[in-house]
Amino acid sequence: LTHDAKTLDDYQNVSVLTVQYPAEGVKQPGVFKYLVRALSDAGVNLLGVFSSYSKISFVIADADAPAAYGRLTRSIHTAKTMQ
């Protein structure tokens, strides 16, 4: 780490929003991009992202949590209706 780098523990008032999806989601290209773009379009700044086999967690400012939750909820609903 350089002296300019910040670790997550330097940030205060953050939330973690986790999206869990079925295992089939791993076989679908673009899931990660779809969710990140939805948050970006809502003006939500991502402080960190963690992913595993069937979960993606976004670290965001507490102030962005309601908008992020709402946007992801609508985006997931939209994606389900497209199937």
Protein backbone atom coordinates (compact mmCIF):
# COMPACT_ATOMS: atom_id res chain seq x y z
CA LEU A 1 0.00 0.00 0.00
CA THR A 2 1.16 3.46 -0.77
CA HIS A 3 0.75 6.23 1.76
CA ASP A 4 -2.19 7.53 -0.31
CA ALA A 5 -4.13 4.25 -0.20
CA LYS A 6 -7.07 3.91 2.16
CA THR A 7 -8.29 0.73 3.72
CA LEU A 8 -11.97 0.15 4.41
CA ASP A 9 -11.44 0.67 8.12
CA ASP A 10 -10.56 4.30 7.30
CA TYR A 11 -14.17 4.84 6.22
CA GLN A 12 -16.96 5.54 8.66
CA ASN A 13 -20.73 5.24 8.25
CA VAL A 14 -20.68 2.50 5.64
CA SER A 15 -23.19 -0.23 4.83
CA VAL A 16 -22.79 -3.60 3.17
CA LEU A 17 -25.53 -4.59 0.76
CA THR A 18 -25.43 -8.25 -0.30
CA VAL A 19 -27.22 -9.81 -3.26
CA GLN A 20 -27.54 -13.59 -3.21
CA TYR A 21 -28.54 -15.31 -6.42
CA PRO A 22 -29.18 -18.92 -7.45
CA ALA A 23 -26.29 -21.07 -8.61
CA GLU A 24 -27.55 -20.76 -12.20
CA GLY A 25 -26.53 -17.10 -12.02
CA VAL A 26 -22.89 -18.15 -12.22
CA LYS A 27 -23.54 -19.49 -15.72
CA GLN A 28 -25.15 -16.23 -16.85
CA PRO A 29 -22.63 -13.72 -18.21
CA GLY A 30 -23.03 -10.11 -17.12
CA VAL A 31 -24.69 -10.52 -13.70
CA PHE A 32 -21.93 -8.59 -11.93
CA LYS A 33 -21.92 -5.88 -14.61
CA TYR A 34 -25.71 -5.56 -14.50
CA LEU A 35 -25.74 -4.94 -10.75
CA VAL A 36 -22.76 -2.57 -10.77
CA ARG A 37 -24.27 -0.56 -13.62
CA ALA A 38 -27.60 -0.30 -11.77
CA LEU A 39 -25.81 1.21 -8.78
CA SER A 40 -23.72 3.50 -10.96
CA ASP A 41 -26.83 4.75 -12.78
CA ALA A 42 -28.34 5.56 -9.36
CA GLY A 43 -25.26 7.64 -8.48
CA VAL A 44 -24.09 5.22 -5.79
CA ASN A 45 -20.34 5.24 -5.19
CA LEU A 46 -18.89 1.79 -4.48
CA LEU A 47 -16.26 1.79 -1.75
CA GLY A 48 -15.68 -1.94 -2.08
CA VAL A 49 -17.05 -5.05 -3.75
CA PHE A 50 -16.74 -8.64 -2.60
CA SER A 51 -18.02 -11.61 -4.53
CA SER A 52 -18.21 -15.34 -4.12
CA TYR A 53 -19.95 -18.19 -5.88
CA SER A 54 -23.51 -16.94 -5.42
CA LYS A 55 -23.20 -13.63 -3.56
CA ILE A 56 -22.05 -10.13 -4.35
CA SER A 57 -21.60 -7.62 -1.54
CA PHE A 58 -21.27 -3.89 -2.10
CA VAL A 59 -19.72 -1.55 0.47
CA ILE A 60 -21.40 1.84 0.19
CA ALA A 61 -21.93 4.98 2.26
CA ASP A 62 -24.83 4.74 4.70
CA ALA A 63 -26.42 7.74 2.98
CA ASP A 64 -26.55 5.78 -0.32
CA ALA A 65 -28.08 2.64 1.21
CA PRO A 66 -31.78 3.44 0.59
CA ALA A 67 -31.17 4.42 -3.05
CA ALA A 68 -28.93 1.40 -3.61
CA TYR A 69 -31.42 -1.01 -2.10
CA GLY A 70 -34.28 0.45 -4.12
CA ARG A 71 -32.36 0.41 -7.39
CA LEU A 72 -31.12 -3.15 -6.92
CA THR A 73 -34.58 -4.36 -5.95
CA ARG A 74 -36.10 -2.83 -9.11
CA SER A 75 -33.24 -4.08 -11.30
CA ILE A 76 -33.53 -7.63 -10.00
CA HIS A 77 -37.30 -7.57 -10.51
CA THR A 78 -36.81 -6.30 -14.05
CA ALA A 79 -34.23 -9.00 -14.79
CA LYS A 80 -36.59 -11.72 -13.54
CA THR A 81 -39.38 -10.54 -15.82
CA MET A 82 -37.03 -10.61 -18.83
CA GLN A 83 -36.49 -14.37 -18.56
